[in-house]
Amino acid sequence: MKDILLIALKGNRLPHAYLFFGNDGVGKDAMALELARVLQCEKQSNPACGVCSSCTKLKTLQHPDVRFITALPVGKGEKSDDSPLAKLAEDEVRVIQEQLKLKGSNPYYRVMIPRANIIKINSIREVRRESAMTTFGHRKRVFIISHADEMGEEASNTILKTLEEPPGDTLLILTTSRPENLLPTIRSRCQNVRFDPLTEEDIQNALVEREKIVESQALSIARLANGSYVRALELLQEDVAQLRQDVVAFVKRILGTDTVALSHDIEALSASRDREKVVHFLTLMLMWFRDAFVLTQGGEIINLDQQEDLKRFTAKFPSADLVGAIAEVERAISLVYKNGYINLVLLLLATRVRKSIQPENSGKAIRVQV
């Protein structure tokens, strides 16, 4: 993928706009930033030299001809024609600046800005204004709209106008893990580039090279990362062993009779209102059920250290609809991403997973206090 895009760059065959789409954490933002670096590099090297003034500025996302657009909080009394940061408190602006610097230094970093739920119309109008200006270095101006699916209707219609009348010296790169949430007209006016999940080997090698961890630890994390380097970095910071034990305990609660304990589990997962944390937990649950299914088919599982537990599980529930359970967890993950009420999502998940694993108890509803 990288070679294809850089060859297009070398041959001066870049379109006016790209749409990079694929699973979360597979390198869409990283590739967008790499293209920006090559375009701005003063030595005109491919890949970028990394040491010139332009490359140095991009390491903290402070280059005047490169803008990284992401969701931002809405300020008190903010109007749509205000500057995106104009009505925000100083502390909020400081957090945003720090997050962008972290993103510049590590393109796989997940930007985390409190109260940032949408890409504001203000930000997109600023793109429109700046795209009409002359660039500082007489090179292309690059606008990267990360998680472009977070644009509201007004912002989407505004960026569409830019895509319909693109300035010649501007490159727009939209990235998303949910292209279906973008307007079809936006998708059709961009060159679409699909990013496939990373291989376990790619993730393992990157962890060893960049994070300086031993190969065995890198392999264990790579197997759990589900093709996402961002997820691999997050797993590196977590107590993965404990988290996987919590997942197994949650499954046992669902299939057991202690609804009070299940209620506590659901409440604990929901309490922080951290949707990414809930998604991480459900992703590990998804992998566990996936391993159970693969084991029944004689395939290679991810959680090798839990093989005996998985064997006992499949032996205890020979009639389990594991494909159905997997589908229910995937549905729950989708609902969490779509801002579904976490308590209700988890309760419905518990009921439906129990029905899939224990069809003989499908008529018994799970009643918990949430």
Protein backbone atom coordinates (compact mmCIF):
# COMPACT_ATOMS: atom_id res chain seq x y z
CA MET A 1 0.00 0.00 0.00
CA LYS A 2 2.71 2.46 0.96
CA ASP A 3 4.71 1.68 -2.19
CA ILE A 4 1.67 2.18 -4.43
CA LEU A 5 0.90 5.60 -2.96
CA LEU A 6 4.50 6.77 -3.03
CA ILE A 7 4.86 5.65 -6.66
CA ALA A 8 1.80 7.76 -7.49
CA LEU A 9 3.46 10.65 -5.69
CA LYS A 10 6.74 10.18 -7.55
CA GLY A 11 4.93 10.14 -10.89
CA ASN A 12 3.00 13.30 -9.97
CA ARG A 13 -0.26 11.38 -10.35
CA LEU A 14 -1.85 12.28 -7.03
CA PRO A 15 -5.61 12.92 -7.12
CA HIS A 16 -7.08 15.99 -5.45
CA ALA A 17 -8.57 13.83 -2.68
CA TYR A 18 -8.10 10.40 -1.10
CA LEU A 19 -10.43 8.40 1.10
CA PHE A 20 -8.40 5.96 3.21
CA PHE A 21 -10.73 3.39 4.77
CA GLY A 22 -10.26 0.20 6.75
CA ASN A 23 -10.37 -1.16 10.27
CA ASP A 24 -9.34 1.01 13.18
CA GLY A 25 -5.59 1.19 13.79
CA VAL A 26 -4.31 -0.23 10.48
CA GLY A 27 -2.27 2.82 9.45
CA LYS A 28 -4.65 5.17 7.62
CA ASP A 29 -3.60 8.29 9.54
CA ALA A 30 0.02 7.13 9.49
CA MET A 31 0.00 6.88 5.69
CA ALA A 32 -1.73 10.25 5.37
CA LEU A 33 0.96 11.87 7.52
CA GLU A 34 3.71 10.10 5.58
CA LEU A 35 2.37 11.49 2.30
CA ALA A 36 2.26 14.95 3.86
CA ARG A 37 5.89 14.60 4.98
CA VAL A 38 7.08 13.57 1.52
CA LEU A 39 5.17 16.43 -0.10
CA GLN A 40 6.65 19.00 2.29
CA CYS A 41 10.19 17.63 2.62
CA GLU A 42 12.67 20.35 1.61
CA LYS A 43 15.08 17.76 0.26
CA GLN A 44 12.28 16.34 -1.90
CA SER A 45 13.28 12.85 -0.80
CA ASN A 46 11.04 9.81 -0.85
CA PRO A 47 10.66 8.75 1.91
CA ALA A 48 10.97 12.10 3.70
CA CYS A 49 14.39 12.93 5.14
CA GLY A 50 13.05 13.48 8.66
CA VAL A 51 15.60 16.18 9.51
CA CYS A 52 14.83 19.26 7.40
CA SER A 53 12.82 22.18 8.79
CA SER A 54 9.55 20.93 7.26
CA CYS A 55 10.00 17.38 8.53
CA THR A 56 10.86 18.69 11.99
CA LYS A 57 7.71 20.83 12.11
CA LEU A 58 5.58 17.87 11.07
CA LYS A 59 6.89 15.82 13.99
CA THR A 60 4.70 18.04 16.18
CA LEU A 61 2.05 18.79 13.52
CA GLN A 62 3.04 22.45 13.41
CA HIS A 63 3.70 22.83 9.69
CA PRO A 64 1.75 25.79 8.19
CA ASP A 65 0.84 23.84 5.04
CA VAL A 66 -0.44 20.71 6.79
CA ARG A 67 -3.63 20.62 8.82
CA PHE A 68 -4.77 17.63 10.87
CA ILE A 69 -8.53 17.91 11.37
CA THR A 70 -10.24 15.91 14.11
CA ALA A 71 -13.28 16.11 16.36
CA LEU A 72 -13.18 19.02 18.82
CA PRO A 73 -15.32 20.18 21.75
CA VAL A 74 -17.85 22.97 21.20
CA GLY A 75 -17.11 26.17 23.11
CA LYS A 76 -19.61 28.18 25.15
CA GLY A 77 -21.55 30.50 22.86
CA GLU A 78 -19.65 29.22 19.83
CA LYS A 79 -20.94 30.20 16.39
CA SER A 80 -20.37 28.34 13.16
CA ASP A 81 -18.17 31.11 11.73
CA ASP A 82 -15.88 31.26 14.78
CA SER A 83 -12.37 29.84 14.62
CA PRO A 84 -12.49 26.19 15.84
CA LEU A 85 -10.55 27.03 19.02
CA ALA A 86 -11.81 30.58 19.61
CA LYS A 87 -14.43 29.84 22.28
CA LEU A 88 -12.61 27.04 24.06
CA ALA A 89 -11.04 27.43 27.50
CA GLU A 90 -7.25 27.74 27.72
CA ASP A 91 -6.97 24.31 29.33
CA GLU A 92 -8.95 22.75 26.48
CA VAL A 93 -6.75 24.41 23.86
CA ARG A 94 -3.65 23.20 25.70
CA VAL A 95 -4.94 19.61 25.72
CA ILE A 96 -5.70 19.78 21.99
CA GLN A 97 -2.23 21.10 21.21
CA GLU A 98 -0.61 18.38 23.32
CA GLN A 99 -2.69 15.67 21.65
CA LEU A 100 -1.73 16.89 18.17
CA LYS A 101 1.95 16.91 19.13
CA LEU A 102 1.64 13.32 20.33
CA LYS A 103 -0.04 12.39 17.05
CA GLY A 104 2.77 14.03 15.10
CA SER A 105 5.45 12.15 17.01
CA ASN A 106 3.55 8.84 16.79
CA PRO A 107 1.09 8.63 13.86
CA TYR A 108 -0.51 5.53 15.44
CA TYR A 109 -1.41 7.46 18.59
CA ARG A 110 -5.15 7.61 19.29
CA VAL A 111 -6.09 11.27 19.79
CA MET A 112 -8.14 11.68 22.97
CA ILE A 113 -9.80 15.07 23.49
CA PRO A 114 -12.52 15.41 26.16
CA ARG A 115 -15.99 16.40 24.86
CA ALA A 116 -14.83 15.99 21.27
CA ASN A 117 -17.80 14.27 19.64
CA ILE A 118 -18.01 15.77 16.14
CA ILE A 119 -15.84 17.37 13.49
CA LYS A 120 -17.18 20.90 13.67
CA ILE A 121 -18.43 22.95 10.75
CA ASN A 122 -15.95 25.61 11.95
CA SER A 123 -13.04 23.27 11.21
CA ILE A 124 -14.29 22.47 7.71
CA ARG A 125 -14.96 26.12 6.90
CA GLU A 126 -11.37 26.81 7.90
CA VAL A 127 -10.29 24.13 5.43
CA ARG A 128 -12.28 25.97 2.73
CA ARG A 129 -10.65 29.30 3.58
CA GLU A 130 -7.10 28.01 3.82
CA SER A 131 -7.32 25.89 0.68
CA ALA A 132 -7.87 29.10 -1.30
CA MET A 133 -4.67 30.67 0.04
CA THR A 134 -1.17 30.47 -1.41
CA THR A 135 1.04 27.88 0.27
CA PHE A 136 4.05 28.98 2.30
CA GLY A 137 6.60 26.76 0.58
CA HIS A 138 5.06 26.66 -2.90
CA ARG A 139 4.21 23.00 -2.34
CA LYS A 140 0.85 21.31 -1.94
CA ARG A 141 -1.22 22.19 1.10
CA VAL A 142 -2.42 18.99 2.81
CA PHE A 143 -5.58 18.63 4.88
CA ILE A 144 -6.01 15.35 6.76
CA ILE A 145 -9.54 14.81 8.08
CA SER A 146 -9.20 11.98 10.58
CA HIS A 147 -12.32 9.91 11.38
CA ALA A 148 -14.15 11.82 8.64
CA ASP A 149 -17.36 9.92 9.47
CA GLU A 150 -17.61 12.16 12.55
CA MET A 151 -18.54 15.14 10.38
CA GLY A 152 -22.10 16.33 10.85
CA GLU A 153 -24.47 17.07 7.98
CA GLU A 154 -23.44 20.72 7.62
CA ALA A 155 -19.72 19.91 7.75
CA SER A 156 -20.19 17.09 5.24
CA ASN A 157 -21.96 19.37 2.78
CA THR A 158 -19.23 21.99 3.17
CA ILE A 159 -16.36 19.59 2.49
CA LEU A 160 -18.33 18.31 -0.49
CA LYS A 161 -18.14 21.79 -2.04
CA THR A 162 -14.35 21.71 -1.72
CA LEU A 163 -14.24 18.27 -3.31
CA GLU A 164 -16.40 19.49 -6.19
CA GLU A 165 -14.16 22.54 -6.82
CA PRO A 166 -10.69 21.41 -5.63
CA PRO A 167 -7.85 23.97 -5.64
CA GLY A 168 -4.95 22.72 -7.76
CA ASP A 169 -2.32 22.92 -5.02
CA THR A 170 -4.37 21.17 -2.32
CA LEU A 171 -4.55 17.51 -1.31
CA LEU A 172 -7.38 16.35 0.94
CA ILE A 173 -7.06 13.01 2.73
CA LEU A 174 -10.09 11.66 4.56
CA THR A 175 -9.62 8.66 6.84
CA THR A 176 -12.36 6.50 8.34
CA SER A 177 -13.11 3.04 9.68
CA ARG A 178 -16.80 3.53 8.80
CA PRO A 179 -17.01 4.70 5.18
CA GLU A 180 -20.69 3.78 5.05
CA ASN A 181 -21.36 6.74 7.37
CA LEU A 182 -20.02 9.21 4.80
CA LEU A 183 -22.18 10.76 2.11
CA PRO A 184 -22.03 8.68 -1.09
CA THR A 185 -21.16 11.87 -2.98
CA ILE A 186 -18.12 12.39 -0.76
CA ARG A 187 -16.95 8.82 -1.34
CA SER A 188 -17.42 9.12 -5.10
CA ARG A 189 -15.35 12.31 -5.34
CA CYS A 190 -12.33 10.78 -3.61
CA GLN A 191 -9.93 8.11 -4.78
CA ASN A 192 -10.83 5.26 -2.44
CA VAL A 193 -7.96 3.29 -0.92
CA ARG A 194 -8.73 0.27 1.26
CA PHE A 195 -6.34 -0.58 4.12
CA ASP A 196 -6.40 -4.25 5.07
CA PRO A 197 -5.75 -5.47 8.63
CA LEU A 198 -2.06 -5.77 9.44
CA THR A 199 -0.57 -9.24 9.68
CA GLU A 200 0.56 -10.65 13.01
CA GLU A 201 4.12 -10.63 11.67
CA ASP A 202 3.91 -6.94 10.73
CA ILE A 203 2.63 -6.00 14.18
CA GLN A 204 5.17 -8.21 15.96
CA ASN A 205 8.08 -6.75 13.99
CA ALA A 206 6.89 -3.18 14.55
CA LEU A 207 6.56 -3.75 18.31
CA VAL A 208 10.05 -5.22 18.54
CA GLU A 209 11.58 -2.44 16.43
CA ARG A 210 9.70 0.58 17.80
CA GLU A 211 8.78 -0.40 21.35
CA LYS A 212 11.91 -2.47 22.05
CA ILE A 213 10.06 -5.43 23.59
CA VAL A 214 11.07 -9.08 23.37
CA GLU A 215 9.74 -11.15 20.47
CA SER A 216 7.66 -13.52 22.63
CA GLN A 217 5.76 -10.63 24.24
CA ALA A 218 5.36 -8.95 20.85
CA LEU A 219 3.90 -12.13 19.35
CA SER A 220 1.40 -12.52 22.20
CA ILE A 221 0.19 -8.94 21.76
CA ALA A 222 0.13 -9.22 17.95
CA ARG A 223 -2.21 -12.22 18.18
CA LEU A 224 -4.65 -10.24 20.30
CA ALA A 225 -4.45 -7.01 18.30
CA ASN A 226 -6.78 -8.24 15.55
CA GLY A 227 -4.77 -6.58 12.80
CA SER A 228 -4.62 -3.17 14.51
CA TYR A 229 -1.30 -1.60 15.52
CA VAL A 230 -3.15 1.02 17.58
CA ARG A 231 -4.80 -1.79 19.53
CA ALA A 232 -1.40 -3.46 19.95
CA LEU A 233 0.00 -0.28 21.53
CA GLU A 234 -2.98 -0.09 23.88
CA LEU A 235 -2.58 -3.73 24.86
CA LEU A 236 1.05 -3.00 25.62
CA GLN A 237 -0.12 -0.54 28.29
CA GLU A 238 -2.78 -2.84 29.75
CA ASP A 239 -2.67 -5.87 32.01
CA VAL A 240 -3.78 -8.13 29.17
CA ALA A 241 -3.68 -11.31 31.23
CA GLN A 242 -6.04 -9.84 33.84
CA LEU A 243 -8.34 -8.41 31.17
CA ARG A 244 -8.67 -11.80 29.47
CA GLN A 245 -9.46 -13.41 32.83
CA ASP A 246 -12.17 -10.78 33.34
CA VAL A 247 -13.64 -11.67 29.94
CA VAL A 248 -13.83 -15.38 30.83
CA ALA A 249 -15.39 -14.50 34.19
CA PHE A 250 -17.99 -12.36 32.40
CA VAL A 251 -18.90 -15.23 30.07
CA LYS A 252 -19.28 -17.54 33.08
CA ARG A 253 -21.56 -14.97 34.75
CA ILE A 254 -23.73 -14.83 31.62
CA LEU A 255 -24.10 -18.61 31.59
CA GLY A 256 -24.55 -18.91 35.36
CA THR A 257 -27.36 -18.09 37.76
CA ASP A 258 -25.79 -15.28 39.82
CA THR A 259 -27.57 -12.29 38.28
CA VAL A 260 -26.36 -10.01 41.08
CA ALA A 261 -22.73 -10.65 40.12
CA LEU A 262 -23.61 -10.19 36.44
CA SER A 263 -25.28 -6.89 37.31
CA HIS A 264 -22.11 -5.75 39.07
CA ASP A 265 -20.01 -6.72 36.04
CA ILE A 266 -22.22 -4.73 33.68
CA GLU A 267 -22.24 -1.74 36.01
CA ALA A 268 -18.45 -1.82 36.33
CA LEU A 269 -18.00 -1.92 32.55
CA SER A 270 -20.47 0.93 32.06
CA ALA A 271 -19.38 3.15 34.95
CA SER A 272 -16.46 4.89 33.24
CA ARG A 273 -18.53 5.62 30.09
CA ASP A 274 -15.30 4.93 28.22
CA ARG A 275 -16.58 3.44 24.97
CA GLU A 276 -13.12 2.46 23.76
CA LYS A 277 -12.56 0.49 26.97
CA VAL A 278 -15.87 -1.33 26.48
CA VAL A 279 -15.01 -2.07 22.85
CA HIS A 280 -11.61 -3.45 23.89
CA PHE A 281 -13.29 -5.73 26.41
CA LEU A 282 -15.85 -6.93 23.88
CA THR A 283 -13.14 -7.47 21.26
CA LEU A 284 -11.34 -9.85 23.63
CA MET A 285 -14.67 -11.57 24.24
CA LEU A 286 -15.14 -11.85 20.48
CA MET A 287 -11.71 -13.46 20.13
CA TRP A 288 -12.50 -15.92 22.90
CA PHE A 289 -15.68 -17.13 21.17
CA ARG A 290 -13.83 -17.13 17.87
CA ASP A 291 -11.18 -19.40 19.40
CA ALA A 292 -13.87 -21.71 20.77
CA PHE A 293 -15.35 -22.05 17.28
CA VAL A 294 -11.96 -22.51 15.59
CA LEU A 295 -11.09 -25.19 18.14
CA THR A 296 -14.19 -27.19 17.17
CA GLN A 297 -13.05 -26.99 13.54
CA GLY A 298 -9.47 -28.07 14.28
CA GLY A 299 -7.97 -24.67 13.44
CA GLU A 300 -5.25 -22.57 15.11
CA ILE A 301 -6.44 -20.45 18.03
CA ILE A 302 -5.16 -17.06 19.22
CA ASN A 303 -5.32 -17.59 23.00
CA LEU A 304 -2.94 -20.54 23.14
CA ASP A 305 -2.52 -20.27 26.91
CA GLN A 306 -6.30 -20.72 27.36
CA GLN A 307 -6.56 -23.82 25.20
CA GLU A 308 -7.55 -26.13 28.07
CA ASP A 309 -10.27 -23.73 29.26
CA LEU A 310 -11.59 -23.51 25.71
CA LYS A 311 -11.64 -27.30 25.39
CA ARG A 312 -13.63 -27.60 28.61
CA PHE A 313 -16.04 -24.91 27.40
CA THR A 314 -16.73 -26.57 24.04
CA ALA A 315 -17.12 -29.97 25.73
CA LYS A 316 -19.62 -28.57 28.25
CA PHE A 317 -21.71 -26.84 25.57
CA PRO A 318 -21.63 -29.14 22.52
CA SER A 319 -24.85 -27.62 21.10
CA ALA A 320 -23.64 -24.04 21.41
CA ASP A 321 -24.22 -21.76 18.42
CA LEU A 322 -20.77 -20.18 18.52
CA VAL A 323 -21.24 -18.40 15.21
CA GLY A 324 -24.38 -16.83 16.66
CA ALA A 325 -22.50 -15.78 19.81
CA ILE A 326 -19.78 -14.19 17.68
CA ALA A 327 -22.42 -12.29 15.69
CA GLU A 328 -24.01 -10.99 18.91
CA VAL A 329 -20.69 -9.66 20.22
CA GLU A 330 -20.00 -8.00 16.86
CA ARG A 331 -23.45 -6.41 17.03
CA ALA A 332 -22.75 -5.13 20.55
CA ILE A 333 -19.45 -3.59 19.43
CA SER A 334 -21.26 -1.83 16.57
CA LEU A 335 -23.92 -0.48 18.95
CA VAL A 336 -21.30 0.86 21.36
CA TYR A 337 -19.59 2.64 18.46
CA LYS A 338 -22.97 4.11 17.48
CA ASN A 339 -23.40 5.60 20.97
CA GLY A 340 -25.86 3.00 22.19
CA TYR A 341 -26.68 3.01 25.92
CA ILE A 342 -23.87 0.82 27.26
CA ASN A 343 -25.84 -0.77 30.11
CA LEU A 344 -28.63 -1.80 27.76
CA VAL A 345 -26.21 -3.02 25.08
CA LEU A 346 -24.44 -5.27 27.58
CA LEU A 347 -27.70 -6.59 29.04
CA LEU A 348 -29.01 -7.47 25.58
CA LEU A 349 -25.66 -9.05 24.76
CA ALA A 350 -25.81 -11.21 27.88
CA THR A 351 -29.34 -12.38 27.04
CA ARG A 352 -28.53 -13.18 23.42
CA VAL A 353 -25.20 -14.88 24.12
CA ARG A 354 -26.89 -17.06 26.72
CA LYS A 355 -29.51 -18.00 24.13
CA SER A 356 -26.77 -18.90 21.63
CA ILE A 357 -24.70 -20.98 24.05
CA GLN A 358 -27.56 -22.50 26.04
CA PRO A 359 -30.49 -22.86 23.63
CA GLU A 360 -32.28 -25.02 26.19
CA ASN A 361 -32.49 -21.93 28.45
CA SER A 362 -33.49 -19.50 25.70
CA GLY A 363 -36.87 -18.89 27.27
CA LYS A 364 -35.37 -17.74 30.56
CA ALA A 365 -34.74 -13.99 30.47
CA ILE A 366 -31.83 -12.52 32.36
CA ARG A 367 -33.04 -9.94 34.86
CA VAL A 368 -30.40 -7.73 36.39
CA GLN A 369 -30.49 -4.34 38.04
CA VAL A 370 -28.80 -1.77 35.75
